[in-house]
Amino acid sequence: MDYVTAVPHPRSEAPGSARAGRMSLAVALLCGALGSAVALLATRQRWSEGTATVAGGPFPLTAKGSDVTGVPAALAIVGLAALVAVFAVRRAGRFMVAGLLALSGAGTVAAALLGISDSAALDEKAAQASGDTSATVQALTHTAWPYVAAIGGVLILLAGLLALRYGRLWPGMSGRYERGGAPRPRRKAPPTDPDRPEELWKALDRGEDPTGA
């Protein structure tokens, strides 16, 4: 007895692809926007604390994320711009912008984690407070905000990876083109009837030659 293997029609997979495109688009927008906001917010918070010896006593010092490193904030802005630019380009351009988005997220994570062990900002403040250029910060501690900035970078990275994987399914910013990429044909005006004066005037208003010459 012969068995017939059912082969799905190519168009039967289209709804699944469209659904994956919409889902990935929503997740990427959420992750990219939220990650950029989190990274920017974290860099404005206190990252590290310590003390310097001033007049024989401890002097408290603090450093914000922007004092430690400006890289996470800069890359978060680049990632946010890349997230918007993904919809303004197509094909190879979209792939390149998606790659930039992913790299921005990875760079944000790396810069935030490196900032945890960076004491240069507090050492500089210790030297200024004590008047001794060789003074360094003492009792150095860090808050959780560098890790929060790293989480924001992870979200930006996830948005970039989704754009690399599903970006070809996402719509573009321009509505002048059909899905196939071809320009929409212009609607031709009906031929002008020379026996009807009102149509002659309408043709002249459109900038057409009613005589057909």
Protein backbone atom coordinates (compact mmCIF):
# COMPACT_ATOMS: atom_id res chain seq x y z
CA MET A 1 0.00 0.00 0.00
CA ASP A 2 1.42 3.34 -1.05
CA TYR A 3 1.52 6.26 1.37
CA VAL A 4 1.41 9.83 0.22
CA THR A 5 3.53 12.26 2.19
CA ALA A 6 1.85 15.62 2.64
CA VAL A 7 4.12 18.51 1.76
CA PRO A 8 3.08 21.85 3.26
CA HIS A 9 2.49 24.61 0.81
CA PRO A 10 5.11 27.40 1.05
CA ARG A 11 2.41 29.94 1.84
CA SER A 12 1.28 27.93 4.87
CA GLU A 13 4.42 29.04 6.73
CA ALA A 14 3.76 32.74 6.14
CA PRO A 15 1.42 33.24 9.14
CA GLY A 16 4.03 31.72 11.45
CA SER A 17 6.75 33.98 10.07
CA ALA A 18 4.55 37.05 10.42
CA ARG A 19 3.71 36.08 13.99
CA ALA A 20 7.40 35.60 14.82
CA GLY A 21 8.18 38.95 13.22
CA ARG A 22 5.58 40.79 15.29
CA MET A 23 6.61 39.07 18.51
CA SER A 24 10.33 39.67 17.99
CA LEU A 25 9.68 43.29 17.03
CA ALA A 26 7.72 43.95 20.22
CA VAL A 27 10.36 42.27 22.40
CA ALA A 28 13.25 44.07 20.67
CA LEU A 29 11.60 47.48 21.04
CA LEU A 30 10.89 46.83 24.71
CA CYS A 31 14.37 45.50 25.46
CA GLY A 32 16.18 48.20 23.50
CA ALA A 33 14.25 51.13 24.95
CA LEU A 34 14.23 49.74 28.49
CA GLY A 35 17.90 48.76 28.36
CA SER A 36 18.98 52.21 27.19
CA ALA A 37 16.90 53.92 29.86
CA VAL A 38 18.26 51.62 32.60
CA ALA A 39 21.88 52.11 31.52
CA LEU A 40 21.50 55.90 31.37
CA LEU A 41 19.79 56.00 34.75
CA ALA A 42 22.43 53.78 36.36
CA THR A 43 25.32 55.97 35.21
CA ARG A 44 23.81 58.91 37.09
CA GLN A 45 23.78 57.03 40.39
CA ARG A 46 26.50 56.48 42.99
CA TRP A 47 28.82 53.64 41.98
CA SER A 48 31.59 53.75 44.55
CA GLU A 49 32.40 55.10 48.01
CA GLY A 50 35.53 55.54 50.06
CA THR A 51 37.46 57.81 52.39
CA ALA A 52 40.52 60.04 52.21
CA THR A 53 42.67 61.25 55.08
CA VAL A 54 42.20 65.00 55.47
CA ALA A 55 43.61 66.89 58.49
CA GLY A 56 44.25 63.63 60.25
CA GLY A 57 40.71 62.36 59.91
CA PRO A 58 38.62 60.37 57.39
CA PHE A 59 36.88 62.38 54.68
CA PRO A 60 34.01 60.59 52.85
CA LEU A 61 34.14 60.44 49.05
CA THR A 62 31.62 59.23 46.49
CA ALA A 63 31.71 58.80 42.71
CA LYS A 64 28.84 58.53 40.27
CA GLY A 65 28.86 56.23 37.28
CA SER A 66 29.55 59.14 34.95
CA ASP A 67 32.61 59.99 37.09
CA VAL A 68 33.95 56.46 36.77
CA THR A 69 33.34 55.97 33.04
CA GLY A 70 31.31 57.68 30.35
CA VAL A 71 31.28 54.65 28.03
CA PRO A 72 28.02 52.99 29.19
CA ALA A 73 25.99 56.19 28.80
CA ALA A 74 27.48 56.92 25.36
CA LEU A 75 26.87 53.38 24.11
CA ALA A 76 23.32 53.41 25.49
CA ILE A 77 22.59 56.50 23.39
CA VAL A 78 24.19 54.86 20.34
CA GLY A 79 22.09 51.75 20.93
CA LEU A 80 18.90 53.77 21.17
CA ALA A 81 19.73 55.58 17.92
CA ALA A 82 20.51 52.25 16.23
CA LEU A 83 17.20 50.82 17.42
CA VAL A 84 15.36 53.64 15.64
CA ALA A 85 17.59 53.45 12.56
CA VAL A 86 16.78 49.75 12.08
CA PHE A 87 13.39 50.76 10.68
CA ALA A 88 14.84 53.38 8.33
CA VAL A 89 17.03 50.97 6.37
CA ARG A 90 16.53 47.66 4.59
CA ARG A 91 18.40 44.49 3.68
CA ALA A 92 22.18 44.85 4.19
CA GLY A 93 21.79 48.24 5.85
CA ARG A 94 19.39 46.80 8.41
CA PHE A 95 21.80 43.95 9.15
CA MET A 96 24.66 46.39 9.74
CA VAL A 97 22.60 48.62 12.03
CA ALA A 98 21.39 45.57 13.96
CA GLY A 99 25.02 44.56 14.42
CA LEU A 100 25.82 48.03 15.75
CA LEU A 101 22.91 47.69 18.19
CA ALA A 102 24.25 44.37 19.47
CA LEU A 103 27.79 45.73 19.80
CA SER A 104 26.48 48.73 21.76
CA GLY A 105 24.87 46.38 24.25
CA ALA A 106 27.98 44.21 24.58
CA GLY A 107 30.16 47.30 25.06
CA THR A 108 27.82 48.65 27.72
CA VAL A 109 28.06 45.38 29.66
CA ALA A 110 31.86 45.30 29.43
CA ALA A 111 32.32 48.95 30.43
CA ALA A 112 29.96 48.62 33.39
CA LEU A 113 31.70 45.52 34.73
CA LEU A 114 35.15 47.08 34.30
CA GLY A 115 33.93 50.14 36.20
CA ILE A 116 33.32 48.04 39.31
CA SER A 117 37.04 47.69 40.03
CA ASP A 118 38.01 51.16 38.80
CA SER A 119 39.15 53.47 41.62
CA ALA A 120 40.68 56.22 39.47
CA ALA A 121 37.77 58.62 39.98
CA LEU A 122 37.94 58.35 43.78
CA ASP A 123 41.74 58.50 43.79
CA GLU A 124 41.53 61.80 41.95
CA LYS A 125 39.00 63.14 44.45
CA ALA A 126 41.17 61.95 47.33
CA ALA A 127 44.15 63.83 45.91
CA GLN A 128 42.09 66.98 45.52
CA ALA A 129 40.60 66.75 49.02
CA SER A 130 43.93 66.11 50.78
CA GLY A 131 46.10 68.31 48.62
CA ASP A 132 48.46 65.39 48.10
CA THR A 133 48.78 64.19 44.49
CA SER A 134 49.91 60.77 45.69
CA ALA A 135 46.90 60.22 47.96
CA THR A 136 44.57 57.32 47.18
CA VAL A 137 41.11 56.37 48.34
CA GLN A 138 40.74 54.12 51.38
CA ALA A 139 38.00 51.70 52.43
CA LEU A 140 36.76 51.47 48.83
CA THR A 141 33.29 49.93 48.35
CA HIS A 142 30.88 49.69 45.41
CA THR A 143 27.12 49.83 45.09
CA ALA A 144 24.85 47.67 42.93
CA TRP A 145 24.41 50.33 40.23
CA PRO A 146 27.27 49.10 37.99
CA TYR A 147 25.49 45.76 37.81
CA VAL A 148 22.25 47.55 36.96
CA ALA A 149 24.03 49.29 34.07
CA ALA A 150 25.32 45.89 32.92
CA ILE A 151 21.75 44.54 32.96
CA GLY A 152 20.72 47.46 30.75
CA GLY A 153 23.51 46.49 28.36
CA VAL A 154 22.27 42.90 28.29
CA LEU A 155 18.82 44.13 27.26
CA ILE A 156 20.32 46.25 24.46
CA LEU A 157 22.38 43.25 23.33
CA LEU A 158 19.23 41.09 23.25
CA ALA A 159 17.48 43.69 21.09
CA GLY A 160 20.41 43.63 18.67
CA LEU A 161 20.42 39.84 18.46
CA LEU A 162 16.67 39.82 17.75
CA ALA A 163 17.20 42.42 15.04
CA LEU A 164 19.93 40.29 13.47
CA ARG A 165 17.73 37.20 13.53
CA TYR A 166 14.29 38.58 12.68
CA GLY A 167 14.98 42.05 11.29
CA ARG A 168 14.18 40.95 7.74
CA LEU A 169 10.59 40.29 8.85
CA TRP A 170 10.09 43.72 10.38
CA PRO A 171 8.31 46.53 8.51
CA GLY A 172 10.14 49.59 7.26
CA MET A 173 9.55 53.22 8.13
CA SER A 174 8.50 54.21 4.59
CA GLY A 175 5.06 53.32 3.25
CA ARG A 176 5.82 54.11 -0.39
CA TYR A 177 6.70 50.52 -1.20
CA GLU A 178 4.80 47.28 -1.22
CA ARG A 179 6.00 44.22 0.65
CA GLY A 180 7.87 42.98 -2.38
CA GLY A 181 9.94 46.17 -2.49
CA ALA A 182 8.50 47.47 -5.78
CA PRO A 183 7.14 51.01 -5.99
CA ARG A 184 3.38 51.28 -6.11
CA PRO A 185 2.19 52.08 -9.63
CA ARG A 186 0.66 55.51 -10.07
CA ARG A 187 -2.98 55.65 -10.91
CA LYS A 188 -3.44 56.99 -14.43
CA ALA A 189 -5.98 59.70 -15.03
CA PRO A 190 -8.86 58.75 -17.37
CA PRO A 191 -8.67 60.13 -20.93
CA THR A 192 -10.07 63.63 -21.37
CA ASP A 193 -13.26 64.01 -23.40
CA PRO A 194 -12.77 67.06 -25.69
CA ASP A 195 -16.54 67.50 -25.94
CA ARG A 196 -16.81 68.24 -22.19
CA PRO A 197 -15.27 71.63 -21.23
CA GLU A 198 -15.22 70.84 -17.51
CA GLU A 199 -12.87 67.91 -18.14
CA LEU A 200 -10.57 70.15 -20.17
CA TRP A 201 -10.30 72.54 -17.22
CA LYS A 202 -9.61 69.65 -14.82
CA ALA A 203 -6.85 68.38 -17.09
CA LEU A 204 -5.26 71.83 -17.17
CA ASP A 205 -5.41 72.03 -13.38
CA ARG A 206 -3.52 68.72 -13.18
CA GLY A 207 -0.85 70.08 -15.49
CA GLU A 208 -1.82 67.78 -18.37
CA ASP A 209 -2.18 68.54 -22.02
CA PRO A 210 -5.88 68.01 -22.84
CA THR A 211 -5.14 67.88 -26.56
CA GLY A 212 -2.97 64.78 -26.14
CA ALA A 213 -0.21 66.32 -28.25
